[in-house]
Amino acid sequence: MILTEDQLQDLLEKSLTELPHGTEWAVTLEGSIAEGFGNPSSDIDFLLVGRTEDDLPTMPSLLFVDGRRVEIRTRSVGRLAAQFRELEKDAARPGRLSEDLLNRCQRLLHSHPLRGHALVEEVKAMLPLERFRRIAADWWAHRARQALRHATALLCLGESDEAVDWARAGLVQTVKSWAAGLGETYLEPKWLSLQLDRAGRPDVRDRYWRLQAATPAPGDADAAREHLTACLDFAEDLDLTGVPRRPEPLTVERVRGVTTWQTGDRVHVVRGRREVFVLGDDAGAVWRSLVLGRPLPRVLAAAAGTGVAEPGPLLAAFLRYGLVRLAWKGGGTVSPALPLAAPSGPVTPPPSTAQPLLSVRGAAVGGPRAVDLLPLPADRFAAAAMALVWSNVVVENAVEDLTGALQRGQWRVAELTARRAVHAALRGLFSAHGVHPLPADSDLVRRLDLLPPATRSATARARELLPRTVGSAQEGDALLADLRSCVLLVRGAAGADSFPLSFESADTWRATLQLGYDWLRLGSHLDAELPIEEARDLLASNGAQPHQAR
């Protein structure tokens, strides 16, 4: 220990003067200094244990005493007993065992009593050290398996550099499991060199450091494979079971809460009913090729059969974003994690910056291999898309009504119908850019600052049309021509230039219904607001007209 008993007692005495009085505390020294690893910059970690019923804070107090940082934690005997019970309860399923809980228990069990020795030893006796060693070794072994299985999968998918990183993680966790079985249970990996020195097996220590020093060149798949094989050999020699030698036991599985929605050729994947990923053409083709439950190599072969070049990195992106998962035959989901690092889990990339966000045929996407996250929650995305489709139906209807009004010389009707068409077109433009709920029609032209500069020519044309009046056939024809030009301009800016001429024929009306139905299914699934009540009938009829014989 880098501090003598007298020095520790002096630091403790000075630290206690800064704390409230009233409780008789037993005190024990935790952490790296208690383990014999510390250095002059290490914290002095005091744990105060009392037979109190008070709800003690979890957060430590940080003091500065005689030039040293001192952390003071307080725990009741009851709380410590509960920690040990929880540890035992979760020990059978190391994947669920909390790293924080394991760390708290380890620090106490390896602490150095300073006051109230009997109470400290009473608490330590709640979990024998031998039992804790086994729990810690199993926990590290579980994590090592997960990391090495993940590395094997990544190598199969052509992600050799990332595979090397996870092979290194598996290497650390393997040797930590082995060391824990020998009593070296301190979790923090930064002291691993001292732990391996103390373990008394220079052969294991030296082999580990040789493997750690091996550095495959970036992009060298053959060197990465050799490195992973060497790590697997080392793991097996340290009696770690369940390590992979081939990727066939890895299967690609469904993730709960992930659903696929396709509109036209565009594939959307909804994660957890909250986030929407939109896939480019290549990514969509790979996604459609997936047959879940199959071994990873077969899934990769099927993806290669789509004609997409290098489908492996796309499959790796699906895994990374939590859209699919990997399972090990007989071993559950592969969930790799790094020690004392940020919690593992699905990655959420930065939102897409594509504009407009969506079109009637699907969300905008950054390229053929893109897997883009939309910057809208899923229900707002669906509601905006439905509003976009419905606004274009209204535009089509209004243009038809305007044409009829002009033919009969109904100038007032024509004026109001033209304004209705312009407002509907603007609603579509706002919806395409993710604005939902929409401003009121009367407010649309005052909210054009919500739209990006690229829409200014379209919005300027719409603004010009709104006050137009009609008093003759010549003015009416000019209004109709200008309105059609404006609608084309706005639809181009909104990604709706391919919208069917809904009221031209039975075929174009069926195309309109099918387009609306695709979006309504998604909106209904996400409990999004439907654009009109009649949309429920379209859902109930599976996209057909409700009174038409099937």
Protein backbone atom coordinates (compact mmCIF):
# COMPACT_ATOMS: atom_id res chain seq x y z
CA MET A 1 0.00 0.00 0.00
CA ILE A 2 1.43 3.43 -0.95
CA LEU A 3 0.17 5.00 2.34
CA THR A 4 0.92 3.76 5.83
CA GLU A 5 -1.81 2.90 8.32
CA ASP A 6 -1.02 6.09 10.27
CA GLN A 7 -1.29 8.23 7.15
CA LEU A 8 -4.66 6.70 6.28
CA GLN A 9 -5.98 7.21 9.80
CA ASP A 10 -4.85 10.84 9.75
CA LEU A 11 -6.55 11.45 6.38
CA LEU A 12 -9.70 9.76 7.68
CA GLU A 13 -9.77 11.86 10.86
CA LYS A 14 -9.42 15.10 8.93
CA SER A 15 -12.07 14.00 6.39
CA LEU A 16 -14.62 13.10 9.07
CA THR A 17 -14.45 16.58 10.56
CA GLU A 18 -16.11 17.88 7.38
CA LEU A 19 -19.08 15.49 7.68
CA PRO A 20 -22.20 15.77 9.88
CA HIS A 21 -22.00 13.95 13.21
CA GLY A 22 -24.56 11.66 14.79
CA THR A 23 -23.87 8.23 13.28
CA GLU A 24 -21.32 5.68 14.44
CA TRP A 25 -19.56 4.59 11.31
CA ALA A 26 -17.37 1.64 10.54
CA VAL A 27 -14.86 2.74 7.89
CA THR A 28 -13.06 0.77 5.21
CA LEU A 29 -10.65 1.85 2.46
CA GLU A 30 -11.75 0.86 -1.05
CA GLY A 31 -10.37 1.10 -4.56
CA SER A 32 -6.97 0.92 -6.18
CA ILE A 33 -4.98 1.89 -3.06
CA ALA A 34 -6.68 -0.84 -1.03
CA GLU A 35 -5.84 -3.29 -3.84
CA GLY A 36 -2.17 -2.27 -3.77
CA PHE A 37 -2.24 -0.67 -7.24
CA GLY A 38 -2.54 3.04 -6.50
CA ASN A 39 -0.14 5.87 -7.21
CA PRO A 40 0.25 9.40 -5.78
CA SER A 41 -2.60 10.66 -8.01
CA SER A 42 -5.09 7.99 -6.94
CA ASP A 43 -8.19 8.96 -4.97
CA ILE A 44 -8.52 7.94 -1.33
CA ASP A 45 -11.85 6.08 -1.27
CA PHE A 46 -13.43 5.74 2.17
CA LEU A 47 -16.65 3.74 2.59
CA LEU A 48 -18.60 4.51 5.79
CA VAL A 49 -20.87 1.68 6.94
CA GLY A 50 -23.57 2.19 9.57
CA ARG A 51 -26.53 0.37 11.12
CA THR A 52 -28.85 3.17 10.12
CA GLU A 53 -32.35 3.10 8.71
CA ASP A 54 -31.81 6.44 6.95
CA ASP A 55 -31.90 6.60 3.17
CA LEU A 56 -28.24 7.34 2.49
CA PRO A 57 -27.09 9.06 -0.73
CA THR A 58 -25.44 7.01 -3.46
CA MET A 59 -23.38 9.95 -4.69
CA PRO A 60 -19.98 10.33 -3.00
CA SER A 61 -18.67 13.53 -1.40
CA LEU A 62 -15.37 14.74 -2.84
CA LEU A 63 -13.00 16.41 -0.38
CA PHE A 64 -9.48 17.78 -0.70
CA VAL A 65 -7.37 16.92 2.34
CA ASP A 66 -3.61 17.51 2.65
CA GLY A 67 -3.28 17.72 -1.12
CA ARG A 68 -5.14 14.44 -1.74
CA ARG A 69 -8.57 13.85 -3.29
CA VAL A 70 -10.75 11.98 -0.84
CA GLU A 71 -14.05 10.35 -1.85
CA ILE A 72 -16.47 9.48 0.93
CA ARG A 73 -19.37 7.10 0.36
CA THR A 74 -21.93 6.01 2.92
CA ARG A 75 -23.93 2.78 2.96
CA SER A 76 -26.21 1.14 5.47
CA VAL A 77 -25.74 -2.51 6.39
CA GLY A 78 -29.18 -3.20 4.95
CA ARG A 79 -28.28 -1.63 1.61
CA LEU A 80 -25.05 -3.62 1.37
CA ALA A 81 -26.92 -6.83 2.19
CA ALA A 82 -29.41 -6.02 -0.57
CA GLN A 83 -26.54 -5.50 -3.03
CA PHE A 84 -25.14 -8.94 -2.28
CA ARG A 85 -28.58 -10.56 -2.61
CA GLU A 86 -29.09 -8.87 -5.97
CA LEU A 87 -25.67 -10.04 -7.12
CA GLU A 88 -26.46 -13.65 -6.21
CA LYS A 89 -29.86 -13.44 -7.89
CA ASP A 90 -28.38 -12.24 -11.20
CA ALA A 91 -25.23 -14.37 -11.09
CA ALA A 92 -26.85 -17.24 -13.01
CA ARG A 93 -27.44 -14.88 -15.97
CA PRO A 94 -24.20 -12.90 -16.34
CA GLY A 95 -25.57 -11.00 -19.32
CA ARG A 96 -28.04 -9.28 -16.99
CA LEU A 97 -25.57 -8.67 -14.19
CA SER A 98 -24.96 -4.95 -13.68
CA GLU A 99 -21.35 -3.86 -14.07
CA ASP A 100 -21.93 -1.15 -11.46
CA LEU A 101 -23.29 -3.66 -8.95
CA LEU A 102 -20.39 -6.04 -9.53
CA ASN A 103 -17.94 -3.18 -9.07
CA ARG A 104 -19.54 -2.00 -5.80
CA CYS A 105 -19.45 -5.50 -4.34
CA GLN A 106 -15.87 -6.10 -5.47
CA ARG A 107 -14.60 -2.88 -3.92
CA LEU A 108 -16.15 -3.72 -0.56
CA LEU A 109 -14.98 -7.32 -0.49
CA HIS A 110 -11.38 -6.29 -1.22
CA SER A 111 -11.40 -3.24 1.04
CA HIS A 112 -9.07 -2.55 3.97
CA PRO A 113 -10.88 -1.95 7.34
CA LEU A 114 -9.82 1.17 9.26
CA ARG A 115 -12.52 1.46 11.95
CA GLY A 116 -15.23 -0.85 13.22
CA HIS A 117 -13.41 -3.91 11.96
CA ALA A 118 -16.04 -6.31 13.31
CA LEU A 119 -18.88 -4.63 11.39
CA VAL A 120 -16.83 -4.47 8.19
CA GLU A 121 -16.00 -8.17 8.44
CA GLU A 122 -19.65 -8.97 9.23
CA VAL A 123 -20.71 -7.31 6.01
CA LYS A 124 -17.94 -8.96 3.98
CA ALA A 125 -18.99 -12.37 5.28
CA MET A 126 -22.35 -12.00 3.51
CA LEU A 127 -20.63 -13.18 0.31
CA PRO A 128 -17.54 -15.45 0.53
CA LEU A 129 -14.63 -14.28 -1.60
CA GLU A 130 -14.39 -17.63 -3.36
CA ARG A 131 -17.99 -17.31 -4.49
CA PHE A 132 -17.40 -13.76 -5.72
CA ARG A 133 -14.37 -14.90 -7.72
CA ARG A 134 -16.54 -17.37 -9.60
CA ILE A 135 -19.23 -14.78 -10.27
CA ALA A 136 -16.68 -12.26 -11.57
CA ALA A 137 -14.91 -14.86 -13.72
CA ASP A 138 -18.22 -15.97 -15.25
CA TRP A 139 -19.20 -12.36 -15.93
CA TRP A 140 -15.97 -11.62 -17.76
CA ALA A 141 -16.20 -14.95 -19.63
CA HIS A 142 -19.69 -14.11 -20.86
CA ARG A 143 -18.50 -10.77 -22.17
CA ALA A 144 -15.45 -12.33 -23.80
CA ARG A 145 -17.67 -14.79 -25.69
CA GLN A 146 -19.94 -12.00 -26.87
CA ALA A 147 -17.04 -9.89 -28.13
CA LEU A 148 -15.36 -12.79 -29.95
CA ARG A 149 -18.62 -13.92 -31.54
CA HIS A 150 -19.25 -10.36 -32.68
CA ALA A 151 -15.72 -10.17 -34.10
CA THR A 152 -16.36 -13.40 -36.03
CA ALA A 153 -19.57 -11.96 -37.47
CA LEU A 154 -17.90 -8.71 -38.51
CA LEU A 155 -15.09 -10.58 -40.25
CA CYS A 156 -17.69 -12.61 -42.14
CA LEU A 157 -19.36 -9.36 -43.22
CA GLY A 158 -16.13 -7.85 -44.51
CA GLU A 159 -15.69 -5.38 -41.64
CA SER A 160 -12.15 -6.54 -40.84
CA ASP A 161 -10.95 -3.40 -39.00
CA GLU A 162 -13.92 -3.41 -36.65
CA ALA A 163 -13.48 -7.17 -36.20
CA VAL A 164 -9.92 -6.55 -34.99
CA ASP A 165 -11.17 -4.03 -32.41
CA TRP A 166 -13.70 -6.51 -31.01
CA ALA A 167 -11.11 -9.31 -31.05
CA ARG A 168 -8.95 -7.09 -28.84
CA ALA A 169 -11.91 -6.45 -26.55
CA GLY A 170 -12.51 -10.19 -26.33
CA LEU A 171 -8.82 -10.71 -25.57
CA VAL A 172 -8.93 -8.31 -22.59
CA GLN A 173 -12.11 -9.87 -21.26
CA THR A 174 -10.74 -13.38 -21.65
CA VAL A 175 -7.65 -12.69 -19.58
CA LYS A 176 -9.69 -10.74 -17.00
CA SER A 177 -11.92 -13.81 -16.59
CA TRP A 178 -8.88 -16.01 -16.10
CA ALA A 179 -7.33 -13.57 -13.61
CA ALA A 180 -10.61 -13.25 -11.68
CA GLY A 181 -10.60 -17.01 -11.14
CA LEU A 182 -7.23 -16.55 -9.42
CA GLY A 183 -8.57 -13.79 -7.16
CA GLU A 184 -7.65 -10.76 -9.28
CA THR A 185 -11.22 -9.46 -9.43
CA TYR A 186 -10.63 -5.68 -9.57
CA LEU A 187 -12.69 -4.54 -12.56
CA GLU A 188 -10.80 -1.51 -13.88
CA PRO A 189 -8.68 -2.79 -16.85
CA LYS A 190 -6.04 -0.06 -16.47
CA TRP A 191 -4.42 -2.06 -13.67
CA LEU A 192 -4.35 -5.28 -15.74
CA SER A 193 -0.55 -5.26 -16.10
CA LEU A 194 -0.13 -5.31 -12.32
CA GLN A 195 -2.81 -7.99 -11.96
CA LEU A 196 -1.05 -10.23 -14.48
CA ASP A 197 2.28 -9.70 -12.74
CA ARG A 198 0.71 -10.77 -9.45
CA ALA A 199 -1.03 -13.79 -10.99
CA GLY A 200 2.29 -15.62 -11.17
CA ARG A 201 1.93 -17.00 -14.71
CA PRO A 202 4.49 -15.24 -16.88
CA ASP A 203 3.66 -17.54 -19.82
CA VAL A 204 0.05 -16.30 -19.89
CA ARG A 205 1.10 -12.71 -19.24
CA ASP A 206 3.71 -12.62 -22.00
CA ARG A 207 1.46 -14.31 -24.55
CA TYR A 208 -1.31 -11.82 -23.78
CA TRP A 209 0.94 -8.82 -24.31
CA ARG A 210 2.27 -10.25 -27.59
CA LEU A 211 -1.29 -10.57 -28.86
CA GLN A 212 -2.13 -7.08 -27.69
CA ALA A 213 0.91 -5.72 -29.52
CA ALA A 214 -0.04 -7.42 -32.81
CA THR A 215 -1.50 -4.78 -35.12
CA PRO A 216 -3.02 -5.93 -38.43
CA ALA A 217 -2.79 -3.25 -41.10
CA PRO A 218 -6.08 -1.45 -41.78
CA GLY A 219 -8.07 -3.21 -44.49
CA ASP A 220 -5.94 -6.37 -44.37
CA ALA A 221 -8.66 -9.02 -44.02
CA ASP A 222 -6.19 -11.93 -44.02
CA ALA A 223 -4.15 -10.42 -41.17
CA ALA A 224 -7.36 -9.69 -39.28
CA ARG A 225 -8.44 -13.32 -39.66
CA GLU A 226 -5.06 -14.55 -38.41
CA HIS A 227 -5.24 -12.20 -35.43
CA LEU A 228 -8.76 -13.34 -34.51
CA THR A 229 -7.68 -16.98 -34.79
CA ALA A 230 -4.75 -16.31 -32.44
CA CYS A 231 -7.10 -14.64 -29.94
CA LEU A 232 -9.49 -17.60 -30.14
CA ASP A 233 -6.58 -20.02 -29.57
CA PHE A 234 -5.57 -18.06 -26.49
CA ALA A 235 -9.14 -18.05 -25.18
CA GLU A 236 -9.49 -21.80 -25.61
CA ASP A 237 -6.17 -22.40 -23.87
CA LEU A 238 -7.48 -20.42 -20.90
CA ASP A 239 -10.53 -22.74 -20.83
CA LEU A 240 -13.01 -20.21 -22.19
CA THR A 241 -15.83 -22.25 -23.70
CA GLY A 242 -18.28 -21.30 -26.45
CA VAL A 243 -15.82 -19.32 -28.54
CA PRO A 244 -16.50 -19.39 -32.30
CA ARG A 245 -14.38 -21.08 -34.91
CA ARG A 246 -16.76 -20.42 -37.81
CA PRO A 247 -19.73 -18.09 -38.35
CA GLU A 248 -22.36 -20.78 -39.11
CA PRO A 249 -23.73 -20.91 -35.52
CA LEU A 250 -24.52 -17.20 -35.82
CA THR A 251 -28.05 -16.52 -37.04
CA VAL A 252 -29.70 -13.26 -38.12
CA GLU A 253 -32.88 -12.69 -36.11
CA ARG A 254 -35.80 -10.32 -35.91
CA VAL A 255 -35.68 -7.45 -33.41
CA ARG A 256 -38.80 -6.85 -31.42
CA GLY A 257 -40.49 -3.58 -32.34
CA VAL A 258 -38.84 -3.30 -35.78
CA THR A 259 -41.25 -3.23 -38.72
CA THR A 260 -40.82 -2.71 -42.45
CA TRP A 261 -42.99 -0.44 -44.60
CA GLN A 262 -42.58 -0.06 -48.33
CA THR A 263 -44.14 2.69 -50.46
CA GLY A 264 -43.41 2.18 -54.11
CA ASP A 265 -39.79 1.07 -54.29
CA ARG A 266 -38.74 2.88 -51.12
CA VAL A 267 -38.16 0.77 -47.99
CA HIS A 268 -38.74 2.31 -44.55
CA VAL A 269 -37.81 0.53 -41.34
CA VAL A 270 -39.46 1.67 -38.12
CA ARG A 271 -37.50 1.00 -34.92
CA GLY A 272 -39.37 0.78 -31.64
CA ARG A 273 -42.38 2.64 -33.09
CA ARG A 274 -40.35 5.83 -32.65
CA GLU A 275 -37.63 6.16 -35.29
CA VAL A 276 -37.82 5.77 -39.06
CA PHE A 277 -34.87 4.67 -41.16
CA VAL A 278 -35.12 5.06 -44.91
CA LEU A 279 -33.05 2.79 -47.14
CA GLY A 280 -31.43 3.62 -50.47
CA ASP A 281 -31.96 1.31 -53.44
CA ASP A 282 -29.01 -1.01 -52.66
CA ALA A 283 -29.72 -1.05 -48.93
CA GLY A 284 -33.39 -1.73 -49.66
CA ALA A 285 -32.53 -4.65 -51.94
CA VAL A 286 -30.33 -6.21 -49.24
CA TRP A 287 -33.05 -5.65 -46.64
CA ARG A 288 -35.68 -7.34 -48.83
CA SER A 289 -33.37 -10.33 -49.30
CA LEU A 290 -33.27 -11.09 -45.57
CA VAL A 291 -34.78 -14.36 -44.42
CA LEU A 292 -34.56 -14.16 -40.65
CA GLY A 293 -33.56 -17.17 -38.61
CA ARG A 294 -30.96 -18.33 -41.12
CA PRO A 295 -27.20 -18.66 -40.46
CA LEU A 296 -25.24 -15.49 -41.17
CA PRO A 297 -23.25 -16.94 -44.13
CA ARG A 298 -26.51 -17.94 -45.88
CA VAL A 299 -28.01 -14.52 -45.25
CA LEU A 300 -24.89 -12.92 -46.71
CA ALA A 301 -25.03 -15.22 -49.76
CA ALA A 302 -28.68 -14.29 -50.37
CA ALA A 303 -27.80 -10.60 -50.14
CA ALA A 304 -24.98 -11.10 -52.64
CA GLY A 305 -27.55 -12.70 -54.96
CA THR A 306 -29.35 -9.35 -55.29
CA GLY A 307 -26.49 -8.01 -57.38
CA VAL A 308 -25.55 -5.41 -54.77
CA ALA A 309 -21.78 -5.06 -54.49
CA GLU A 310 -20.33 -5.79 -51.04
CA PRO A 311 -23.59 -6.36 -49.14
CA GLY A 312 -21.73 -7.29 -45.93
CA PRO A 313 -21.18 -3.71 -44.70
CA LEU A 314 -24.88 -3.00 -45.27
CA LEU A 315 -25.82 -5.99 -43.13
CA ALA A 316 -23.35 -4.72 -40.54
CA ALA A 317 -25.10 -1.33 -40.60
CA PHE A 318 -28.46 -3.04 -39.97
CA LEU A 319 -26.89 -4.79 -36.97
CA ARG A 320 -25.27 -1.59 -35.73
CA TYR A 321 -28.57 0.31 -35.83
CA GLY A 322 -30.47 -2.48 -34.09
CA LEU A 323 -32.68 -3.28 -37.09
CA VAL A 324 -31.73 -6.96 -36.89
CA ARG A 325 -29.82 -8.91 -34.25
CA LEU A 326 -27.35 -11.77 -34.15
CA ALA A 327 -27.92 -14.88 -32.05
CA TRP A 328 -25.56 -17.71 -31.21
CA LYS A 329 -27.05 -21.17 -31.55
CA GLY A 330 -28.00 -22.19 -28.01
CA GLY A 331 -26.49 -19.01 -26.58
CA GLY A 332 -29.02 -16.23 -27.11
CA THR A 333 -28.50 -12.78 -28.59
CA VAL A 334 -24.94 -11.63 -29.24
CA SER A 335 -24.57 -8.46 -27.15
CA PRO A 336 -20.94 -7.26 -27.14
CA ALA A 337 -19.84 -4.66 -24.62
CA LEU A 338 -16.61 -2.99 -23.55
CA PRO A 339 -15.63 -2.90 -19.87
CA LEU A 340 -16.31 0.32 -17.94
CA ALA A 341 -17.40 2.06 -21.13
CA ALA A 342 -20.60 3.57 -22.47
CA PRO A 343 -23.50 1.11 -22.39
CA SER A 344 -23.79 -0.97 -25.54
CA GLY A 345 -26.90 -0.95 -27.67
CA PRO A 346 -28.26 0.12 -31.04
CA VAL A 347 -26.54 3.13 -32.54
CA THR A 348 -28.64 6.15 -33.46
CA PRO A 349 -26.94 8.09 -36.28
CA PRO A 350 -27.35 11.84 -36.82
CA PRO A 351 -30.63 12.67 -38.56
CA SER A 352 -30.67 12.95 -42.32
CA THR A 353 -30.39 16.46 -43.75
CA ALA A 354 -32.06 15.61 -47.07
CA GLN A 355 -34.69 18.11 -48.23
CA PRO A 356 -37.55 17.69 -48.64
CA LEU A 357 -37.77 14.96 -46.03
CA LEU A 358 -40.37 12.91 -47.83
CA SER A 359 -42.27 12.51 -51.05
CA VAL A 360 -45.46 10.69 -51.93
CA ARG A 361 -43.32 7.69 -52.94
CA GLY A 362 -41.28 7.58 -49.75
CA ALA A 363 -38.78 9.44 -47.62
CA ALA A 364 -35.78 11.16 -49.17
CA VAL A 365 -32.53 9.19 -48.99
CA GLY A 366 -28.89 10.20 -49.31
CA GLY A 367 -27.78 7.54 -51.80
CA PRO A 368 -28.18 3.91 -52.92
CA ARG A 369 -26.31 2.48 -49.90
CA ALA A 370 -27.74 4.93 -47.37
CA VAL A 371 -29.47 3.85 -44.17
CA ASP A 372 -30.71 7.28 -43.09
CA LEU A 373 -32.49 8.24 -39.88
CA LEU A 374 -35.35 10.67 -40.43
CA PRO A 375 -35.39 13.72 -38.13
CA LEU A 376 -39.05 13.09 -37.26
CA PRO A 377 -40.61 10.73 -34.74
CA ALA A 378 -42.35 7.87 -36.51
CA ASP A 379 -45.93 9.01 -35.85
CA ARG A 380 -45.22 12.54 -37.14
CA PHE A 381 -43.47 11.11 -40.19
CA ALA A 382 -46.52 8.97 -40.99
CA ALA A 383 -48.94 11.82 -40.33
CA ALA A 384 -46.95 14.22 -42.53
CA ALA A 385 -46.78 11.65 -45.34
CA MET A 386 -50.55 11.05 -45.17
CA ALA A 387 -51.16 14.81 -45.18
CA LEU A 388 -48.87 15.11 -48.22
CA VAL A 389 -50.87 12.50 -50.15
CA TRP A 390 -54.23 13.93 -49.09
CA SER A 391 -53.23 17.51 -49.96
CA ASN A 392 -52.43 16.38 -53.50
CA VAL A 393 -55.79 14.64 -53.79
CA VAL A 394 -57.39 17.94 -52.77
CA VAL A 395 -55.30 19.77 -55.39
CA GLU A 396 -56.50 17.37 -58.10
CA ASN A 397 -60.11 17.75 -56.99
CA ALA A 398 -59.84 21.55 -56.85
CA VAL A 399 -58.34 21.76 -60.34
CA GLU A 400 -61.23 19.67 -61.68
CA ASP A 401 -63.74 21.90 -59.86
CA LEU A 402 -62.03 25.03 -61.19
CA THR A 403 -62.19 23.72 -64.76
CA GLY A 404 -65.92 23.08 -64.42
CA ALA A 405 -66.62 26.47 -62.82
CA LEU A 406 -64.82 28.28 -65.63
CA GLN A 407 -66.78 26.39 -68.25
CA ARG A 408 -70.04 27.65 -66.66
CA GLY A 409 -68.79 31.18 -66.06
CA GLN A 410 -68.98 30.78 -62.26
CA TRP A 411 -66.25 33.36 -61.55
CA ARG A 412 -66.65 33.55 -57.73
CA VAL A 413 -66.64 29.77 -57.48
CA ALA A 414 -63.53 29.67 -59.63
CA GLU A 415 -61.70 32.19 -57.40
CA LEU A 416 -62.44 30.27 -54.20
CA THR A 417 -61.60 26.92 -55.80
CA ALA A 418 -58.26 28.22 -57.07
CA ARG A 419 -57.37 29.45 -53.57
CA ARG A 420 -58.35 26.05 -52.20
CA ALA A 421 -55.96 24.40 -54.68
CA VAL A 422 -53.11 26.77 -53.75
CA HIS A 423 -53.64 26.20 -50.04
CA ALA A 424 -53.71 22.44 -50.56
CA ALA A 425 -50.50 22.58 -52.61
CA LEU A 426 -48.80 24.59 -49.85
CA ARG A 427 -50.02 22.07 -47.26
CA GLY A 428 -48.30 19.39 -49.31
CA LEU A 429 -45.10 21.44 -49.44
CA PHE A 430 -45.09 21.97 -45.67
CA SER A 431 -45.82 18.28 -45.09
CA ALA A 432 -42.97 17.21 -47.38
CA HIS A 433 -40.61 19.18 -45.15
CA GLY A 434 -41.90 17.53 -41.98
CA VAL A 435 -44.14 20.32 -40.67
CA HIS A 436 -46.89 18.66 -38.66
CA PRO A 437 -49.36 19.65 -37.35
CA LEU A 438 -49.88 22.13 -40.18
CA PRO A 439 -50.63 25.84 -39.83
CA ALA A 440 -54.18 26.88 -40.68
CA ASP A 441 -54.74 27.55 -44.40
CA SER A 442 -55.11 31.27 -43.73
CA ASP A 443 -51.73 31.25 -41.97
CA LEU A 444 -49.71 29.27 -44.52
CA VAL A 445 -48.31 32.26 -46.43
CA ARG A 446 -47.20 33.88 -43.15
CA ARG A 447 -45.28 30.74 -42.15
CA LEU A 448 -43.21 30.31 -45.30
CA ASP A 449 -40.10 31.01 -43.18
CA LEU A 450 -40.50 27.42 -41.90
CA LEU A 451 -39.47 26.19 -45.35
CA PRO A 452 -35.92 26.09 -46.76
CA PRO A 453 -34.69 28.68 -49.30
CA ALA A 454 -34.87 26.14 -52.14
CA THR A 455 -38.67 26.39 -52.07
CA ARG A 456 -38.83 30.17 -52.57
CA SER A 457 -39.66 30.18 -56.26
CA ALA A 458 -42.56 27.76 -55.65
CA THR A 459 -43.87 29.65 -52.64
CA ALA A 460 -43.56 33.00 -54.42
CA ARG A 461 -45.73 31.70 -57.27
CA ALA A 462 -48.30 30.43 -54.78
CA ARG A 463 -48.35 33.77 -52.96
CA GLU A 464 -49.02 35.58 -56.25
CA LEU A 465 -52.00 33.37 -57.08
CA LEU A 466 -53.91 33.70 -53.80
CA PRO A 467 -55.34 37.22 -54.36
CA ARG A 468 -56.17 36.62 -58.05
CA THR A 469 -59.73 37.44 -59.17
CA VAL A 470 -61.68 36.30 -62.22
CA GLY A 471 -64.16 38.36 -64.17
CA SER A 472 -63.97 36.91 -67.67
CA ALA A 473 -63.24 33.74 -69.60
CA GLN A 474 -59.87 35.15 -70.62
CA GLU A 475 -58.89 35.81 -66.96
CA GLY A 476 -60.19 32.38 -66.03
CA ASP A 477 -58.09 30.60 -68.65
CA ALA A 478 -55.01 32.54 -67.48
CA LEU A 479 -55.75 31.61 -63.86
CA LEU A 480 -56.10 27.92 -64.72
CA ALA A 481 -52.84 27.92 -66.69
CA ASP A 482 -50.99 29.74 -63.92
CA LEU A 483 -52.45 27.42 -61.29
CA ARG A 484 -51.33 24.31 -63.17
CA SER A 485 -47.85 25.81 -63.54
CA CYS A 486 -47.79 26.63 -59.81
CA VAL A 487 -48.93 23.13 -58.85
CA LEU A 488 -46.16 21.59 -60.97
CA LEU A 489 -43.59 23.88 -59.36
CA VAL A 490 -44.80 23.16 -55.81
CA ARG A 491 -45.03 19.43 -56.47
CA GLY A 492 -41.51 19.42 -57.81
CA ALA A 493 -40.32 21.08 -54.60
CA ALA A 494 -42.38 18.60 -52.55
CA GLY A 495 -41.34 15.43 -54.36
CA ALA A 496 -44.89 14.89 -55.61
CA ASP A 497 -44.36 15.51 -59.32
CA SER A 498 -45.33 11.88 -60.06
CA PHE A 499 -48.68 12.16 -58.30
CA PRO A 500 -51.47 10.47 -60.31
CA LEU A 501 -54.02 12.64 -62.12
CA SER A 502 -56.55 11.24 -59.68
CA PHE A 503 -59.81 12.25 -61.38
CA GLU A 504 -58.78 11.60 -64.98
CA SER A 505 -59.76 7.91 -65.15
CA ALA A 506 -60.60 4.81 -63.12
CA ASP A 507 -56.98 3.68 -63.41
CA THR A 508 -55.53 6.92 -62.01
CA TRP A 509 -58.07 6.86 -59.16
CA ARG A 510 -57.04 3.29 -58.30
CA ALA A 511 -53.40 4.42 -58.32
CA THR A 512 -54.31 7.26 -55.96
CA LEU A 513 -56.13 4.89 -53.60
CA GLN A 514 -53.20 2.48 -53.57
CA LEU A 515 -50.76 5.28 -52.81
CA GLY A 516 -52.92 6.53 -49.97
CA TYR A 517 -53.43 3.02 -48.64
CA ASP A 518 -49.68 2.36 -48.40
CA TRP A 519 -49.26 5.40 -46.14
CA LEU A 520 -52.49 4.83 -44.19
CA ARG A 521 -51.33 1.35 -43.13
CA LEU A 522 -48.19 2.84 -41.62
CA GLY A 523 -50.10 5.70 -40.01
CA SER A 524 -52.65 3.33 -38.51
CA HIS A 525 -49.90 1.06 -37.17
CA LEU A 526 -48.29 4.04 -35.41
CA ASP A 527 -51.60 5.52 -34.20
CA ALA A 528 -50.88 8.67 -36.19
CA GLU A 529 -53.58 11.22 -36.89
CA LEU A 530 -55.46 10.31 -40.09
CA PRO A 531 -56.06 13.14 -42.58
CA ILE A 532 -59.82 12.46 -42.90
CA GLU A 533 -62.24 10.08 -41.19
CA GLU A 534 -63.07 8.33 -44.49
CA ALA A 535 -59.50 7.03 -44.51
CA ARG A 536 -60.56 4.34 -42.04
CA ASP A 537 -62.88 2.90 -44.71
CA LEU A 538 -59.99 2.70 -47.17
CA LEU A 539 -58.01 0.80 -44.55
CA ALA A 540 -60.88 -1.55 -43.86
CA SER A 541 -61.28 -2.31 -47.57
CA ASN A 542 -57.54 -3.05 -48.04
CA GLY A 543 -57.11 -0.18 -50.46
CA ALA A 544 -60.18 -0.82 -52.61
CA GLN A 545 -63.27 1.33 -52.93
CA PRO A 546 -65.58 0.30 -50.10
CA HIS A 547 -68.64 -0.44 -52.26
CA GLN A 548 -66.87 -2.09 -55.16
CA ALA A 549 -67.26 -5.85 -55.67
CA ARG A 550 -64.03 -7.71 -55.13
